[in-house]
């Protein structure tokens, strides 16, 4: 039964070469045998379809002869698909353009040694990111602060400056790979016999050897140590938000780029204030007489005490706004407001005079 290569790749017959390549990359990534849910047979079928449709000349022949293309019935016969010699050696094993695979499998092309000029030296590895938690006070979150934190991490070795070589050691070009960092050998793969390049076992892909590894880091380029880092906490940061410090994470091996440090901020609760966005919520308790007759009180704010006017007849639960007395706006200008809820206290222990006064007031309200 003939195979519909367009259907296998999930593209229309009028699809462009770019569309075909994109479809192949997506499916190859999904069905690659090294993947957890990969499918070797499906992967071979996808590759077979791409070998035809991905080449303009082969695609034209496939479009012209249709099913006869596979069964060798056109033009005197091609000897079947496996014997179709116009595939530039396809019958002797898969010819894979590793540039088409690119980075789909996390360096799959490099695994077979088809990366650029083939002289793939060992890559410096980026250091890992670190996430730590830092606790700050409510006021520090409002106005910002500078904190110093200590953390244990892999830092660049100061003795060898991260290259892993003992200072003064003799450095030579690797004799095994000739400085290329890779060696070539014939390997049997799911695609058939292939010449593949692998990392040089003697130099680890660096292309050079040296007489002595760094004594302090054993050639890794990093050492474990505790470092102190000063951190500027921006004004207005809220509980649960993070600060990214680029390059302050784990140092990369062999002089690789350092990772990042992420500070997860935890804001301690305040006994008086609560935060709502950039506003601060608080409560003030006043007496019954002050609520009825009006007057002034000292309201507590994050900036310190502030005189606040209480109008006569103020009801319990009334909220007053103190403009600009809230939280500094993160990465912006200005501040939020403070919202002060007034709670009218009902007296519980009354003197005889107070009771007589309130009884007269109660009779008046009737």
Protein backbone atom coordinates (compact mmCIF):
# COMPACT_ATOMS: atom_id res chain seq x y z
CA UNK A 1 0.00 0.00 0.00
CA UNK A 2 1.42 3.39 -0.99
CA UNK A 3 2.34 5.94 1.61
CA UNK A 4 1.00 9.47 1.63
CA UNK A 5 3.99 11.47 2.77
CA UNK A 6 1.96 14.65 2.98
CA UNK A 7 -0.48 12.97 5.32
CA UNK A 8 2.36 11.50 7.42
CA UNK A 9 3.76 15.01 7.99
CA UNK A 10 0.29 16.51 8.35
CA UNK A 11 0.71 19.13 5.58
CA UNK A 12 -1.15 20.01 2.40
CA UNK A 13 0.26 19.25 -1.05
CA UNK A 14 0.72 22.96 -1.61
CA UNK A 15 2.75 23.41 1.59
CA UNK A 16 5.96 25.41 1.32
CA UNK A 17 9.36 23.90 2.08
CA UNK A 18 9.44 25.91 5.31
CA UNK A 19 6.06 24.49 6.35
CA UNK A 20 7.30 20.96 5.62
CA UNK A 21 10.44 21.53 7.64
CA UNK A 22 8.44 22.93 10.58
CA UNK A 23 6.06 19.96 10.49
CA UNK A 24 8.99 17.53 10.45
CA UNK A 25 10.69 19.23 13.41
CA UNK A 26 7.51 19.13 15.46
CA UNK A 27 6.77 15.46 14.75
CA UNK A 28 10.38 14.35 15.10
CA UNK A 29 10.53 16.04 18.48
CA UNK A 30 7.33 14.27 19.54
CA UNK A 31 8.19 10.75 18.35
CA UNK A 32 11.98 10.62 18.78
CA UNK A 33 12.92 7.26 20.37
CA UNK A 34 14.87 8.97 23.14
CA UNK A 35 11.71 10.69 24.35
CA UNK A 36 9.67 9.06 27.12
CA UNK A 37 6.71 8.42 24.81
CA UNK A 38 8.77 8.13 21.62
CA UNK A 39 8.03 5.72 18.78
CA UNK A 40 10.93 4.46 16.71
CA UNK A 41 8.80 3.14 13.83
CA UNK A 42 6.81 6.35 13.64
CA UNK A 43 10.01 8.37 13.79
CA UNK A 44 11.48 6.40 10.87
CA UNK A 45 8.28 6.94 8.89
CA UNK A 46 8.39 10.69 9.55
CA UNK A 47 12.03 10.85 8.52
CA UNK A 48 11.30 8.83 5.37
CA UNK A 49 8.57 11.29 4.39
CA UNK A 50 10.81 14.27 5.06
CA UNK A 51 13.69 12.83 3.02
CA UNK A 52 11.36 13.02 0.02
CA UNK A 53 9.25 16.12 0.63
CA UNK A 54 12.13 18.07 2.16
CA UNK A 55 14.05 17.87 -1.11
CA UNK A 56 12.55 19.85 -3.99
CA UNK A 57 13.79 17.41 -6.68
CA UNK A 58 12.61 14.26 -4.89
CA UNK A 59 9.32 15.93 -4.03
CA UNK A 60 8.71 16.72 -7.70
CA UNK A 61 9.24 13.07 -8.65
CA UNK A 62 6.97 11.95 -5.83
CA UNK A 63 4.27 14.38 -6.98
CA UNK A 64 4.67 13.19 -10.58
CA UNK A 65 4.62 9.44 -10.08
CA UNK A 66 2.47 9.22 -7.00
CA UNK A 67 2.21 5.69 -5.62
CA UNK A 68 4.44 4.41 -8.42
CA UNK A 69 7.28 6.36 -6.84
CA UNK A 70 7.40 3.84 -3.99
CA UNK A 71 6.77 0.66 -5.99
CA UNK A 72 9.22 1.47 -8.78
CA UNK A 73 6.64 1.37 -11.61
CA UNK A 74 7.55 4.62 -13.28
CA UNK A 75 10.29 5.32 -15.81
CA UNK A 76 11.35 1.67 -16.13
CA UNK A 77 11.32 1.08 -12.39
CA UNK A 78 13.45 2.41 -9.59
CA UNK A 79 13.93 -0.90 -7.84
CA UNK A 80 11.57 0.02 -5.04
CA UNK A 81 11.90 2.74 -2.43
CA UNK A 82 14.85 1.10 -0.67
CA UNK A 83 16.74 0.92 -3.95
CA UNK A 84 15.99 4.42 -5.22
CA UNK A 85 19.59 5.47 -5.90
CA UNK A 86 18.70 9.04 -6.72
CA UNK A 87 18.45 9.56 -2.96
CA UNK A 88 22.20 10.32 -2.80
CA UNK A 89 22.99 7.14 -0.90
CA UNK A 90 19.66 6.81 0.89
CA UNK A 91 19.72 3.04 0.24
CA UNK A 92 22.95 2.65 2.18
CA UNK A 93 21.51 4.26 5.29
CA UNK A 94 19.70 7.43 6.24
CA UNK A 95 21.20 10.70 5.06
CA UNK A 96 20.16 13.17 7.74
CA UNK A 97 20.64 16.88 7.47
CA UNK A 98 21.37 17.64 11.10
CA UNK A 99 20.88 21.35 10.44
CA UNK A 100 17.19 20.51 9.95
CA UNK A 101 17.11 18.89 13.38
CA UNK A 102 18.82 21.88 14.96
CA UNK A 103 18.42 22.07 18.73
CA UNK A 104 15.23 20.05 18.84
CA UNK A 105 16.65 17.43 21.12
CA UNK A 106 18.86 19.63 23.25
CA UNK A 107 21.92 19.43 21.04
CA UNK A 108 20.90 16.37 19.00
CA UNK A 109 22.93 17.61 16.04
CA UNK A 110 26.02 17.91 18.20
CA UNK A 111 25.51 14.36 19.39
CA UNK A 112 26.24 13.19 15.84
CA UNK A 113 28.89 15.82 15.28
CA UNK A 114 27.12 17.85 12.59
CA UNK A 115 27.34 21.23 14.31
CA UNK A 116 28.85 23.93 12.09
CA UNK A 117 32.45 23.10 11.17
CA UNK A 118 32.49 19.92 13.27
CA UNK A 119 35.04 21.32 15.67
CA UNK A 120 32.62 21.47 18.57
CA UNK A 121 34.71 22.21 21.61
CA UNK A 122 33.34 21.46 25.03
CA UNK A 123 30.90 24.16 25.97
CA UNK A 124 31.17 26.03 29.21
CA UNK A 125 28.10 25.20 31.21
CA UNK A 126 25.94 27.95 32.64
CA UNK A 127 25.62 27.85 36.38
CA UNK A 128 22.33 26.96 38.04
CA UNK A 129 19.88 29.56 39.30
CA UNK A 130 19.36 29.87 43.04
CA UNK A 131 16.19 30.83 44.90
CA UNK A 132 16.32 31.95 48.51
CA UNK A 133 13.81 33.61 50.82
CA UNK A 134 14.42 36.91 52.60
CA UNK A 135 12.20 38.31 55.38
CA UNK A 136 11.67 42.06 55.74
CA UNK A 137 9.61 44.30 58.00
CA UNK A 138 6.40 46.00 56.90
CA UNK A 139 8.09 49.39 56.93
CA UNK A 140 11.00 48.11 54.83
CA UNK A 141 8.52 46.93 52.22
CA UNK A 142 6.93 50.39 52.14
CA UNK A 143 10.10 52.47 51.89
CA UNK A 144 12.68 49.96 50.63
CA UNK A 145 15.85 48.82 52.38
CA UNK A 146 19.29 47.36 51.91
CA UNK A 147 19.86 43.87 53.27
CA UNK A 148 22.90 41.63 53.43
CA UNK A 149 22.33 37.94 52.93
CA UNK A 150 24.71 35.01 53.29
CA UNK A 151 24.39 31.93 51.13
CA UNK A 152 26.45 28.89 50.24
CA UNK A 153 26.94 28.40 46.51
CA UNK A 154 29.44 27.36 43.86
CA UNK A 155 31.61 30.39 43.15
CA UNK A 156 34.35 30.84 40.58
CA UNK A 157 37.65 29.43 41.77
CA UNK A 158 39.92 32.37 42.56
CA UNK A 159 43.05 30.22 42.31
CA UNK A 160 42.62 29.32 38.60
CA UNK A 161 40.10 32.04 37.66
CA UNK A 162 37.60 29.38 36.66
CA UNK A 163 39.57 27.58 33.93
CA UNK A 164 40.39 24.53 36.07
CA UNK A 165 44.14 24.64 35.27
CA UNK A 166 46.79 24.91 37.94
CA UNK A 167 48.67 28.19 37.41
CA UNK A 168 51.98 27.48 35.70
CA UNK A 169 50.87 24.10 34.35
CA UNK A 170 51.96 23.10 30.84
CA UNK A 171 49.16 23.38 28.26
CA UNK A 172 49.31 21.44 24.99
CA UNK A 173 47.06 20.76 22.01
CA UNK A 174 45.30 17.44 22.48
CA UNK A 175 47.06 14.77 20.44
CA UNK A 176 43.98 12.55 20.21
CA UNK A 177 41.70 15.07 18.49
CA UNK A 178 44.26 17.53 17.18
CA UNK A 179 42.68 20.37 19.08
CA UNK A 180 39.22 19.89 17.59
CA UNK A 181 37.65 18.58 20.76
CA UNK A 182 35.92 15.74 18.87
CA UNK A 183 36.83 12.40 17.40
CA UNK A 184 35.16 10.66 14.45
CA UNK A 185 34.07 7.05 14.40
CA UNK A 186 31.60 4.82 12.55
CA UNK A 187 28.53 3.98 14.56
CA UNK A 188 25.43 1.92 13.94
CA UNK A 189 22.30 3.95 14.70
CA UNK A 190 18.59 3.72 14.04
CA UNK A 191 19.36 5.45 10.74
CA UNK A 192 21.90 2.81 9.63
CA UNK A 193 25.69 3.13 9.48
CA UNK A 194 26.81 6.66 10.16
CA UNK A 195 30.06 8.45 10.75
CA UNK A 196 29.56 10.31 13.98
CA UNK A 197 31.64 12.67 16.01
CA UNK A 198 31.83 12.40 19.76
CA UNK A 199 33.53 14.42 22.46
CA UNK A 200 37.20 13.59 22.71
CA UNK A 201 37.67 11.28 25.72
CA UNK A 202 41.15 12.61 26.49
CA UNK A 203 40.50 16.36 26.60
CA UNK A 204 36.78 16.32 27.35
CA UNK A 205 36.10 18.43 24.27
CA UNK A 206 38.41 21.30 25.22
CA UNK A 207 40.93 20.59 22.46
CA UNK A 208 43.81 20.92 24.88
CA UNK A 209 45.42 19.03 27.70
CA UNK A 210 47.36 20.31 30.65
CA UNK A 211 49.87 18.77 33.00
CA UNK A 212 48.05 19.57 36.23
CA UNK A 213 44.51 20.38 37.30
CA UNK A 214 43.83 23.21 39.69
CA UNK A 215 44.63 22.05 43.19
CA UNK A 216 41.84 24.04 44.78
CA UNK A 217 38.89 23.11 42.53
CA UNK A 218 40.21 19.82 41.07
CA UNK A 219 39.81 21.15 37.55
CA UNK A 220 36.11 22.02 37.80
CA UNK A 221 36.60 25.77 37.90
CA UNK A 222 34.23 26.33 40.83
CA UNK A 223 34.43 25.91 44.60
CA UNK A 224 31.73 25.71 47.25
CA UNK A 225 31.84 28.66 49.62
CA UNK A 226 29.67 31.03 51.62
CA UNK A 227 29.33 34.52 50.20
CA UNK A 228 27.75 37.72 51.53
CA UNK A 229 25.65 39.68 49.07
CA UNK A 230 24.18 43.15 49.59
CA UNK A 231 20.69 43.44 48.17
CA UNK A 232 18.65 46.58 47.59
CA UNK A 233 15.00 45.95 48.40
CA UNK A 234 12.89 48.28 46.22
CA UNK A 235 10.25 50.46 47.88
CA UNK A 236 6.75 49.10 47.40
CA UNK A 237 7.60 45.41 47.05
CA UNK A 238 4.84 43.11 48.29
CA UNK A 239 4.81 39.78 50.08
CA UNK A 240 5.56 36.89 47.71
CA UNK A 241 7.21 38.95 45.00
CA UNK A 242 10.71 38.09 43.78
CA UNK A 243 13.85 40.05 42.98
CA UNK A 244 16.17 38.76 40.23
CA UNK A 245 19.89 39.37 40.64
CA UNK A 246 21.55 38.51 37.34
CA UNK A 247 24.81 36.58 37.61
CA UNK A 248 24.58 36.08 41.37
CA UNK A 249 23.63 32.39 41.18
CA UNK A 250 25.89 29.37 40.87
CA UNK A 251 29.11 29.94 38.93
CA UNK A 252 29.35 28.08 35.63
CA UNK A 253 31.87 25.26 35.20
CA UNK A 254 34.99 25.99 33.17
CA UNK A 255 34.37 29.73 33.20
CA UNK A 256 30.75 29.40 32.06
CA UNK A 257 28.18 32.11 32.66
CA UNK A 258 26.87 32.30 36.21
CA UNK A 259 23.21 31.64 36.94
CA UNK A 260 20.83 34.11 38.52
CA UNK A 261 19.77 34.60 42.12
CA UNK A 262 16.05 34.95 42.85
CA UNK A 263 15.04 36.44 46.20
CA UNK A 264 11.56 35.52 47.31
CA UNK A 265 10.40 38.33 49.61
CA UNK A 266 8.39 37.59 52.75
CA UNK A 267 6.92 40.65 54.50
CA UNK A 268 6.34 40.31 58.23
CA UNK A 269 2.90 41.23 59.53
CA UNK A 270 2.46 44.57 61.32
CA UNK A 271 0.48 44.82 64.54
CA UNK A 272 -1.22 48.02 63.43
CA UNK A 273 -1.28 48.14 59.64
CA UNK A 274 -2.49 45.94 56.80
CA UNK A 275 -1.75 46.36 53.13
CA UNK A 276 -4.25 46.45 50.31
CA UNK A 277 -2.47 47.07 47.02
CA UNK A 278 -0.64 50.34 47.59
CA UNK A 279 -3.04 51.45 50.34
CA UNK A 280 -2.55 50.91 54.07
CA UNK A 281 -5.49 49.96 56.27
CA UNK A 282 -5.67 50.85 59.97
CA UNK A 283 -8.18 51.37 62.74
CA UNK A 284 -8.55 54.06 65.42
CA UNK A 285 -10.84 53.77 68.45
CA UNK A 286 -12.61 56.91 69.75
CA UNK A 287 -14.97 57.60 72.59
CA UNK A 288 -18.72 58.07 72.33
CA UNK A 289 -18.54 61.76 73.23
CA UNK A 290 -15.88 62.54 70.62
CA UNK A 291 -17.89 60.77 67.96
CA UNK A 292 -20.99 62.76 68.86
CA UNK A 293 -19.41 66.18 69.33
CA UNK A 294 -16.41 65.92 66.98
CA UNK A 295 -12.81 66.84 67.65
CA UNK A 296 -9.26 65.77 66.79
CA UNK A 297 -7.21 62.61 67.40
CA UNK A 298 -3.62 61.48 66.89
CA UNK A 299 -3.80 58.84 64.13
CA UNK A 300 -0.83 56.49 63.74
CA UNK A 301 0.66 56.32 60.24
CA UNK A 302 3.69 54.59 58.76
CA UNK A 303 5.37 58.03 58.81
CA UNK A 304 4.53 58.65 62.47
CA UNK A 305 1.60 60.28 64.37
CA UNK A 306 -0.70 62.59 62.42
CA UNK A 307 -3.51 64.86 63.65
CA UNK A 308 -6.84 63.81 62.13
CA UNK A 309 -10.13 65.69 62.41
CA UNK A 310 -13.23 63.81 63.53
CA UNK A 311 -16.49 65.50 62.42
CA UNK A 312 -19.37 65.59 64.89
CA UNK A 313 -21.85 62.77 64.51
CA UNK A 314 -19.22 60.34 63.21
CA UNK A 315 -20.60 56.80 63.09
CA UNK A 316 -18.63 53.69 64.02
CA UNK A 317 -17.14 52.12 60.88
CA UNK A 318 -16.61 55.43 59.06
CA UNK A 319 -13.44 55.35 56.92
CA UNK A 320 -11.23 58.41 56.51
CA UNK A 321 -8.62 58.73 53.75
CA UNK A 322 -5.17 60.10 54.48
CA UNK A 323 -3.94 60.89 50.99
CA UNK A 324 -0.37 59.93 50.13
CA UNK A 325 0.25 58.08 53.39
CA UNK A 326 0.26 54.61 51.87
CA UNK A 327 2.89 52.42 50.20
CA UNK A 328 5.43 53.70 47.70
CA UNK A 329 4.50 52.53 44.22
CA UNK A 330 6.93 49.89 42.98
CA UNK A 331 8.97 51.17 40.03
CA UNK A 332 6.69 54.18 39.82
CA UNK A 333 5.96 57.55 41.34
CA UNK A 334 3.90 58.59 44.33
CA UNK A 335 2.30 56.64 47.13
CA UNK A 336 -1.02 55.06 47.89
CA UNK A 337 -3.34 56.28 50.66
CA UNK A 338 -3.99 55.26 54.24
CA UNK A 339 -7.58 54.32 55.00
CA UNK A 340 -8.42 54.81 58.66
CA UNK A 341 -11.54 53.10 59.98
CA UNK A 342 -12.97 54.76 63.10
CA UNK A 343 -14.42 52.44 65.72
CA UNK A 344 -16.66 54.11 68.35
CA UNK A 345 -16.11 52.56 71.78
CA UNK A 346 -19.20 51.82 73.83
CA UNK A 347 -18.54 52.42 77.54
CA UNK A 348 -18.96 49.39 79.79
CA UNK A 349 -18.16 50.70 83.28
CA UNK A 350 -20.05 53.91 84.09
CA UNK A 351 -19.91 56.20 87.07
CA UNK A 352 -23.16 57.38 88.61
CA UNK A 353 -22.78 60.76 86.93
CA UNK A 354 -22.09 59.19 83.54
CA UNK A 355 -25.06 56.90 83.90
CA UNK A 356 -27.37 59.83 84.79
CA UNK A 357 -26.08 61.73 81.78
CA UNK A 358 -26.66 58.83 79.38
CA UNK A 359 -30.11 58.12 80.84
CA UNK A 360 -31.05 61.71 80.19
CA UNK A 361 -29.69 61.41 76.64
CA UNK A 362 -31.65 58.20 76.12
CA UNK A 363 -34.86 59.86 77.30
CA UNK A 364 -34.13 62.77 74.95
CA UNK A 365 -33.74 60.37 71.99
CA UNK A 366 -37.25 59.01 72.65
